[in-house]
């Protein structure tokens, strides 16, 4: 008999409208959509890019979509389909994800998202600078004391040509995270500032010393605006790219999407501190409540979470993270770091606009300490200002305009973000 070509499933006339985040995803998701069409009878996928009109209301313009998990905390569940019935019906292993990743997509007792990619801060280091100093590379059993000792030792160049450490966010943006790393808890569980707590005072003194002795001046020149994330993705910090920094913390996603560096880079788990630094963020899949292609969307999304190509982040799937194929794709050091973080347990970063805004004055306290002010006095003033801001905020309508007005009322010198034209 004459061999015949296998018959492929016939796609339905109405494809699943799937919205991606950016043009960056078009090529890999086009390949995945073609692969999906060969395995799922009657299903096809049309990729959609968000524009100015659709960004704020994605569920109204597609059947399912990829987005940051923080959309739940920022926009709520309006327009989203609860996935619990689909999860219970099968096709998804609740225990098959990084700890906390599936829980990050839950709100009000329901599941609204399925994670595909996780982004965490990893410790990157310049192997040649360690070799020149005769120091051992960072290891999994490093704690914050080991890290500080190495950072100081690697900052000995008298001409300032090399530095021990750089935070890609600059010195100010993640002050609350660093204080927790060094043993302070700047906010109580209910969000009330605890800046004057003795542990916080000690932690800021230690962090200020780290900034003063190991970071390049560029770390102090990063913009420090109230309530604005000033990080630029897709680039390495200048001093890092210039081969002048021994260690730096960066998100995995930013590191792999930035231009390659011109030296041998090592990857390690961030050293252990009193608290981990910091939690993860993730990209997840959502289904629109208005879709008439619920089941086709679900088959497409559960297909995607099993594909390594579906994310440029670290895989949320434990099966992918544990696979030889993924290790071959990203390298042994990155694989080992992610597996170590998974074994320790990770927690998602919960975006709290209130404490994030109040933390601005921790950065101001750091600036004053670096200028010579005593730590306790700087934090006492920061706490007073943050409490004035929060009192005003609690009495307002919680809009961004009112939030900025409250910041100005509490602190006339507050630096507001520039107005976009």
Protein backbone atom coordinates (compact mmCIF):
# COMPACT_ATOMS: atom_id res chain seq x y z
CA UNK A 1 0.00 0.00 0.00
CA UNK A 2 1.07 3.57 -0.70
CA UNK A 3 1.85 5.49 2.52
CA UNK A 4 -0.39 8.46 3.15
CA UNK A 5 0.21 11.67 5.07
CA UNK A 6 -1.45 11.74 8.49
CA UNK A 7 -4.65 13.71 8.66
CA UNK A 8 -4.29 16.80 10.86
CA UNK A 9 -7.18 18.10 12.93
CA UNK A 10 -9.30 20.66 11.14
CA UNK A 11 -9.22 23.98 12.99
CA UNK A 12 -12.52 25.53 13.89
CA UNK A 13 -13.68 28.52 11.89
CA UNK A 14 -13.49 30.72 14.97
CA UNK A 15 -10.01 30.62 16.54
CA UNK A 16 -9.27 31.25 20.19
CA UNK A 17 -8.27 34.91 20.48
CA UNK A 18 -5.22 34.88 22.72
CA UNK A 19 -3.64 38.18 23.81
CA UNK A 20 0.10 38.18 24.44
CA UNK A 21 2.03 40.83 26.38
CA UNK A 22 4.32 42.21 23.69
CA UNK A 23 5.80 41.57 20.26
CA UNK A 24 8.53 39.57 22.00
CA UNK A 25 6.12 36.67 22.50
CA UNK A 26 4.80 36.55 18.93
CA UNK A 27 7.39 34.20 17.44
CA UNK A 28 7.50 31.54 20.19
CA UNK A 29 3.73 31.61 20.63
CA UNK A 30 3.17 31.29 16.88
CA UNK A 31 5.28 28.12 16.93
CA UNK A 32 3.39 26.83 19.96
CA UNK A 33 0.01 27.61 18.36
CA UNK A 34 0.99 25.58 15.29
CA UNK A 35 2.10 22.70 17.50
CA UNK A 36 -1.13 22.91 19.49
CA UNK A 37 -3.20 22.75 16.31
CA UNK A 38 -1.63 19.39 15.45
CA UNK A 39 -2.51 17.89 18.83
CA UNK A 40 -5.94 19.35 19.57
CA UNK A 41 -8.80 18.49 17.26
CA UNK A 42 -10.69 21.47 15.99
CA UNK A 43 -8.67 24.14 17.79
CA UNK A 44 -6.73 27.08 16.38
CA UNK A 45 -5.26 30.16 18.06
CA UNK A 46 -5.09 33.75 16.82
CA UNK A 47 -2.51 35.91 18.60
CA UNK A 48 -3.49 39.47 19.56
CA UNK A 49 -1.25 42.30 20.71
CA UNK A 50 -2.61 44.79 23.26
CA UNK A 51 -2.86 48.42 22.24
CA UNK A 52 -3.76 51.64 24.04
CA UNK A 53 -7.47 50.82 23.77
CA UNK A 54 -7.26 47.24 25.04
CA UNK A 55 -4.49 47.34 27.67
CA UNK A 56 -6.76 48.50 30.46
CA UNK A 57 -9.52 45.99 29.72
CA UNK A 58 -7.96 42.88 28.22
CA UNK A 59 -10.81 40.49 29.12
CA UNK A 60 -13.21 42.45 26.90
CA UNK A 61 -11.02 42.06 23.82
CA UNK A 62 -9.95 38.41 23.80
CA UNK A 63 -10.89 34.92 24.94
CA UNK A 64 -7.82 34.34 27.11
CA UNK A 65 -4.57 36.15 27.72
CA UNK A 66 -1.11 36.29 29.29
CA UNK A 67 -0.42 38.97 31.91
CA UNK A 68 1.44 39.84 35.08
CA UNK A 69 -0.11 38.26 38.17
CA UNK A 70 -0.14 41.69 39.82
CA UNK A 71 -3.17 42.58 37.69
CA UNK A 72 -5.26 40.73 40.30
CA UNK A 73 -4.07 43.01 43.08
CA UNK A 74 -4.26 46.14 40.95
CA UNK A 75 -7.45 45.55 38.92
CA UNK A 76 -9.31 42.80 40.75
CA UNK A 77 -11.26 39.99 39.11
CA UNK A 78 -13.69 41.97 36.95
CA UNK A 79 -14.05 40.34 33.55
CA UNK A 80 -12.22 37.17 34.58
CA UNK A 81 -13.51 33.60 34.62
CA UNK A 82 -13.00 31.58 37.80
CA UNK A 83 -10.96 28.51 36.87
CA UNK A 84 -11.87 26.28 39.80
CA UNK A 85 -14.40 24.17 37.90
CA UNK A 86 -11.89 23.61 35.11
CA UNK A 87 -9.11 22.72 37.56
CA UNK A 88 -11.36 20.25 39.37
CA UNK A 89 -12.41 18.68 36.06
CA UNK A 90 -8.80 17.72 35.38
CA UNK A 91 -5.92 18.67 33.14
CA UNK A 92 -3.95 20.55 35.79
CA UNK A 93 -1.93 19.26 38.72
CA UNK A 94 -2.27 21.74 41.59
CA UNK A 95 0.94 20.40 43.12
CA UNK A 96 2.91 20.72 39.90
CA UNK A 97 3.94 24.36 40.35
CA UNK A 98 6.54 26.33 42.25
CA UNK A 99 5.43 26.83 45.87
CA UNK A 100 3.07 29.77 46.07
CA UNK A 101 2.83 30.27 42.29
CA UNK A 102 -0.71 28.92 41.90
CA UNK A 103 -1.80 30.57 45.16
CA UNK A 104 -0.68 33.93 43.76
CA UNK A 105 -3.50 33.61 41.23
CA UNK A 106 -6.16 33.13 43.90
CA UNK A 107 -8.41 35.80 45.34
CA UNK A 108 -11.61 35.68 47.36
CA UNK A 109 -11.24 31.91 47.69
CA UNK A 110 -11.20 31.29 43.95
CA UNK A 111 -8.55 30.55 41.33
CA UNK A 112 -8.30 33.10 38.52
CA UNK A 113 -4.94 32.40 36.90
CA UNK A 114 -2.54 29.62 35.97
CA UNK A 115 1.18 30.48 36.30
CA UNK A 116 3.61 29.86 33.46
CA UNK A 117 6.71 31.90 34.34
CA UNK A 118 8.27 33.05 37.60
CA UNK A 119 10.79 35.85 38.05
CA UNK A 120 13.08 36.06 41.06
CA UNK A 121 16.17 38.01 42.03
CA UNK A 122 19.35 35.99 41.54
CA UNK A 123 22.88 36.85 42.59
CA UNK A 124 25.07 37.36 39.53
CA UNK A 125 28.82 37.77 39.79
CA UNK A 126 31.84 38.63 37.67
CA UNK A 127 34.07 35.57 37.82
CA UNK A 128 37.19 37.41 36.65
CA UNK A 129 36.97 39.91 39.54
CA UNK A 130 36.63 37.08 42.06
CA UNK A 131 39.58 35.29 40.45
CA UNK A 132 41.73 38.43 40.54
CA UNK A 133 40.96 38.88 44.27
CA UNK A 134 41.63 35.20 45.00
CA UNK A 135 38.15 34.74 46.50
CA UNK A 136 35.88 31.71 46.24
CA UNK A 137 32.70 32.17 44.21
CA UNK A 138 29.37 32.62 46.06
CA UNK A 139 27.90 29.32 47.24
CA UNK A 140 24.50 28.02 48.28
CA UNK A 141 25.43 28.14 51.97
CA UNK A 142 26.41 31.83 51.97
CA UNK A 143 24.54 34.01 54.44
CA UNK A 144 24.30 37.78 54.47
CA UNK A 145 27.49 38.06 56.56
CA UNK A 146 29.47 36.07 53.96
CA UNK A 147 28.05 38.30 51.25
CA UNK A 148 28.96 41.57 53.01
CA UNK A 149 32.46 40.33 53.78
CA UNK A 150 33.06 39.45 50.12
CA UNK A 151 31.53 42.70 48.85
CA UNK A 152 33.86 44.74 51.06
CA UNK A 153 36.88 42.68 50.06
CA UNK A 154 36.06 43.19 46.37
CA UNK A 155 35.77 46.98 46.78
CA UNK A 156 39.37 47.64 47.71
CA UNK A 157 40.52 49.35 44.51
CA UNK A 158 41.76 52.76 45.70
CA UNK A 159 40.84 54.47 42.44
CA UNK A 160 37.23 53.26 42.57
CA UNK A 161 37.68 51.18 39.45
CA UNK A 162 35.89 48.15 40.88
CA UNK A 163 33.01 47.76 43.33
CA UNK A 164 31.76 44.85 45.38
CA UNK A 165 28.02 45.15 44.88
CA UNK A 166 25.28 46.84 42.89
CA UNK A 167 21.51 46.58 43.13
CA UNK A 168 20.11 47.08 39.67
CA UNK A 169 17.28 49.10 41.21
CA UNK A 170 19.78 51.59 42.63
CA UNK A 171 20.35 52.14 46.33
CA UNK A 172 16.89 53.47 47.22
CA UNK A 173 14.09 51.52 45.58
CA UNK A 174 14.21 48.29 47.60
CA UNK A 175 15.27 49.70 50.96
CA UNK A 176 12.43 47.89 52.76
CA UNK A 177 13.53 44.56 51.26
CA UNK A 178 17.16 45.10 52.24
CA UNK A 179 16.19 46.09 55.77
CA UNK A 180 14.23 42.84 56.11
CA UNK A 181 17.24 40.97 54.72
CA UNK A 182 19.42 42.57 57.39
CA UNK A 183 17.02 41.72 60.23
CA UNK A 184 14.57 44.63 60.40
CA UNK A 185 10.80 44.59 59.85
CA UNK A 186 9.91 48.12 58.69
CA UNK A 187 6.16 47.45 58.40
CA UNK A 188 3.87 45.62 60.78
CA UNK A 189 1.51 42.97 59.42
CA UNK A 190 -1.28 45.55 59.04
CA UNK A 191 0.98 47.91 57.07
CA UNK A 192 1.73 50.32 59.94
CA UNK A 193 5.29 51.72 59.71
CA UNK A 194 7.68 50.45 62.35
CA UNK A 195 10.67 52.49 61.20
CA UNK A 196 11.85 53.29 64.74
CA UNK A 197 12.04 49.67 65.86
CA UNK A 198 15.60 48.99 67.12
CA UNK A 199 16.02 46.13 64.60
CA UNK A 200 15.09 48.48 61.76
CA UNK A 201 17.53 51.11 63.03
CA UNK A 202 20.30 48.51 63.12
CA UNK A 203 19.40 47.16 59.69
CA UNK A 204 19.46 50.63 58.08
CA UNK A 205 22.84 51.34 59.64
CA UNK A 206 24.18 48.15 58.15
CA UNK A 207 22.63 48.72 54.73
CA UNK A 208 23.92 52.30 54.62
CA UNK A 209 27.39 50.99 55.35
CA UNK A 210 27.04 48.48 52.49
CA UNK A 211 26.00 51.27 50.12
CA UNK A 212 28.78 53.56 51.31
CA UNK A 213 31.60 51.03 51.09
CA UNK A 214 30.71 48.74 48.17
CA UNK A 215 28.38 50.46 45.67
CA UNK A 216 29.43 52.78 42.82
CA UNK A 217 28.15 56.38 42.78
CA UNK A 218 25.70 55.42 40.02
CA UNK A 219 23.66 53.52 42.61
CA UNK A 220 22.90 56.83 44.32
CA UNK A 221 22.05 58.55 41.06
CA UNK A 222 19.14 56.29 40.10
CA UNK A 223 15.86 58.28 40.13
CA UNK A 224 13.96 58.03 43.41
CA UNK A 225 10.37 59.03 42.79
CA UNK A 226 7.37 58.64 45.07
CA UNK A 227 5.26 55.68 44.05
CA UNK A 228 7.00 54.98 40.74
CA UNK A 229 8.88 51.90 39.60
CA UNK A 230 11.84 53.41 37.74
CA UNK A 231 13.48 50.15 36.71
CA UNK A 232 14.41 49.88 33.05
CA UNK A 233 14.09 46.37 31.67
CA UNK A 234 16.29 44.95 28.95
CA UNK A 235 19.50 46.66 30.13
CA UNK A 236 22.28 45.94 32.60
CA UNK A 237 23.34 48.70 35.01
CA UNK A 238 26.15 50.76 33.48
CA UNK A 239 28.88 49.84 36.01
CA UNK A 240 27.99 46.14 35.62
CA UNK A 241 28.21 46.29 31.83
CA UNK A 242 31.53 48.16 32.16
CA UNK A 243 33.11 45.20 34.00
CA UNK A 244 33.48 47.15 37.27
CA UNK A 245 31.08 45.33 39.63
CA UNK A 246 31.81 42.00 41.31
CA UNK A 247 28.25 41.07 42.42
CA UNK A 248 24.81 42.36 41.61
CA UNK A 249 21.21 41.34 42.24
CA UNK A 250 19.00 41.27 39.18
CA UNK A 251 15.77 39.64 38.11
CA UNK A 252 16.34 36.55 36.00
CA UNK A 253 14.01 37.85 33.31
CA UNK A 254 15.87 41.13 32.96
CA UNK A 255 19.25 39.40 32.89
CA UNK A 256 18.37 37.01 30.06
CA UNK A 257 16.60 39.67 27.96
CA UNK A 258 19.47 42.19 28.27
CA UNK A 259 22.43 42.27 25.84
CA UNK A 260 25.13 39.68 26.64
CA UNK A 261 27.90 40.87 28.94
CA UNK A 262 31.50 40.81 27.77
CA UNK A 263 32.84 38.67 30.65
CA UNK A 264 32.20 35.33 32.33
CA UNK A 265 29.10 35.63 34.54
CA UNK A 266 28.31 33.31 37.43
CA UNK A 267 24.86 32.69 38.91
CA UNK A 268 24.03 31.88 42.52
CA UNK A 269 21.17 31.87 45.01
CA UNK A 270 20.86 35.16 46.93
CA UNK A 271 22.55 34.70 50.31
CA UNK A 272 20.36 33.83 53.25
CA UNK A 273 19.27 36.73 55.43
CA UNK A 274 16.69 37.16 58.17
CA UNK A 275 14.12 37.33 55.36
CA UNK A 276 14.51 36.23 51.73
CA UNK A 277 15.24 38.92 49.17
CA UNK A 278 12.84 39.38 47.61
CA UNK A 279 9.75 37.30 46.69
CA UNK A 280 8.80 36.44 43.15
CA UNK A 281 6.58 37.92 40.52
CA UNK A 282 5.02 35.86 37.75
CA UNK A 283 3.24 35.84 34.45
CA UNK A 284 0.07 33.84 34.31
CA UNK A 285 -2.76 32.84 32.01
CA UNK A 286 -6.30 34.17 32.44
CA UNK A 287 -9.62 33.35 30.73
CA UNK A 288 -12.15 36.08 29.98
CA UNK A 289 -15.57 35.69 31.54
CA UNK A 290 -17.28 36.74 28.29
CA UNK A 291 -15.70 34.04 26.10
CA UNK A 292 -17.72 31.32 24.41
CA UNK A 293 -14.51 29.28 23.98
CA UNK A 294 -13.88 28.43 27.60
CA UNK A 295 -12.96 24.78 27.03
CA UNK A 296 -10.74 25.52 24.03
CA UNK A 297 -8.95 28.20 26.05
CA UNK A 298 -8.42 25.78 28.90
CA UNK A 299 -6.92 23.13 26.61
CA UNK A 300 -4.63 25.77 25.10
CA UNK A 301 -3.49 27.10 28.49
CA UNK A 302 -2.85 23.66 30.00
CA UNK A 303 -0.89 22.80 26.86
CA UNK A 304 1.23 25.95 27.29
CA UNK A 305 2.20 25.40 30.93
CA UNK A 306 3.95 22.19 29.87
CA UNK A 307 6.05 23.91 27.18
CA UNK A 308 9.47 25.38 28.16
CA UNK A 309 9.23 27.86 25.25
CA UNK A 310 6.10 29.46 26.72
CA UNK A 311 8.10 31.76 28.99
CA UNK A 312 11.40 33.63 29.08
CA UNK A 313 11.13 33.60 32.87
CA UNK A 314 11.98 30.70 35.16
CA UNK A 315 9.45 27.89 34.71
CA UNK A 316 6.56 27.74 37.15
CA UNK A 317 6.18 24.06 36.24
CA UNK A 318 8.17 21.79 38.55
CA UNK A 319 8.35 19.17 35.79
CA UNK A 320 10.10 21.62 33.46
CA UNK A 321 12.39 22.93 36.23
CA UNK A 322 13.47 19.38 36.98
CA UNK A 323 14.07 18.35 33.39
CA UNK A 324 17.42 17.76 31.67
CA UNK A 325 16.13 19.61 28.61
CA UNK A 326 15.61 22.83 30.55
CA UNK A 327 19.06 22.54 32.15
CA UNK A 328 20.59 22.19 28.69
CA UNK A 329 18.70 25.27 27.59
CA UNK A 330 19.69 27.66 30.43
CA UNK A 331 22.85 26.15 31.88
CA UNK A 332 23.79 24.29 35.03
CA UNK A 333 24.26 27.32 37.32
CA UNK A 334 20.87 28.90 36.63
CA UNK A 335 19.19 25.50 36.92
CA UNK A 336 20.90 24.79 40.25
CA UNK A 337 19.99 28.24 41.63
CA UNK A 338 16.31 27.90 40.70
CA UNK A 339 16.09 24.37 42.07
CA UNK A 340 17.71 25.50 45.34
CA UNK A 341 15.20 28.37 45.66
CA UNK A 342 12.36 25.92 44.99
CA UNK A 343 13.69 23.58 47.68
CA UNK A 344 13.76 26.46 50.19
CA UNK A 345 10.23 27.54 49.33
CA UNK A 346 9.39 30.88 47.79
CA UNK A 347 6.58 33.34 48.37
CA UNK A 348 5.00 35.66 45.82
CA UNK A 349 5.57 39.38 46.12
CA UNK A 350 2.24 40.96 47.02
CA UNK A 351 1.94 44.41 45.54
CA UNK A 352 0.67 46.72 48.26
CA UNK A 353 0.46 50.25 46.88
CA UNK A 354 0.08 51.72 50.37
CA UNK A 355 3.23 50.31 51.97
CA UNK A 356 5.10 50.70 48.68
CA UNK A 357 4.26 54.40 48.78
CA UNK A 358 5.12 54.80 52.48
CA UNK A 359 8.45 53.05 51.87
CA UNK A 360 9.51 56.11 49.87
CA UNK A 361 10.49 57.77 53.16
CA UNK A 362 12.79 54.86 54.01
CA UNK A 363 14.74 55.84 50.92
CA UNK A 364 14.76 59.43 52.12
CA UNK A 365 16.07 58.30 55.50
CA UNK A 366 18.85 56.38 53.76
CA UNK A 367 19.77 59.49 51.78
CA UNK A 368 20.03 61.52 55.00
CA UNK A 369 22.13 58.86 56.71
CA UNK A 370 24.52 58.74 53.76
CA UNK A 371 24.80 62.53 54.07
CA UNK A 372 25.88 62.16 57.71
CA UNK A 373 22.69 62.19 59.78
CA UNK A 374 22.24 59.76 62.66
CA UNK A 375 20.19 56.68 61.72
CA UNK A 376 17.66 56.83 64.58
CA UNK A 377 16.83 60.50 63.94
CA UNK A 378 16.42 59.98 60.21
CA UNK A 379 14.07 57.04 60.75
CA UNK A 380 12.07 58.90 63.43
CA UNK A 381 11.36 61.72 60.95
CA UNK A 382 10.62 59.20 58.18
CA UNK A 383 8.08 57.41 60.38
CA UNK A 384 6.36 60.66 61.32
CA UNK A 385 6.07 61.66 57.67
CA UNK A 386 4.87 58.22 56.56
CA UNK A 387 2.15 58.25 59.26
CA UNK A 388 0.98 61.72 58.13
CA UNK A 389 0.77 60.38 54.57
CA UNK A 390 -1.15 57.26 55.62
CA UNK A 391 -3.64 59.26 57.69
CA UNK A 392 -4.40 61.45 54.70
CA UNK A 393 -4.56 58.42 52.40
CA UNK A 394 -7.04 56.58 54.64
CA UNK A 395 -9.36 59.59 54.59
CA UNK A 396 -9.22 59.99 50.79
CA UNK A 397 -10.70 58.19 47.80
CA UNK A 398 -7.54 56.09 47.18
CA UNK A 399 -7.08 57.51 43.67
CA UNK A 400 -3.56 58.14 42.38
CA UNK A 401 -4.23 61.89 42.27
CA UNK A 402 -5.30 61.90 45.92
CA UNK A 403 -2.36 59.66 46.87
CA UNK A 404 0.10 62.15 45.36
CA UNK A 405 -1.71 65.05 47.05
CA UNK A 406 -1.37 63.26 50.39
CA UNK A 407 2.34 62.75 49.77
CA UNK A 408 2.80 66.48 49.17
CA UNK A 409 0.69 67.33 52.22
CA UNK A 410 2.93 65.12 54.37
CA UNK A 411 6.21 66.21 52.78
CA UNK A 412 6.55 69.36 50.68
CA UNK A 413 9.91 68.13 49.37
CA UNK A 414 8.55 64.81 48.07
CA UNK A 415 9.74 64.04 44.52
CA UNK A 416 6.74 63.12 42.38
CA UNK A 417 7.21 61.21 39.14
CA UNK A 418 7.35 63.27 35.94
CA UNK A 419 4.05 63.81 34.15
CA UNK A 420 3.79 61.82 30.92
CA UNK A 421 2.92 64.00 27.95
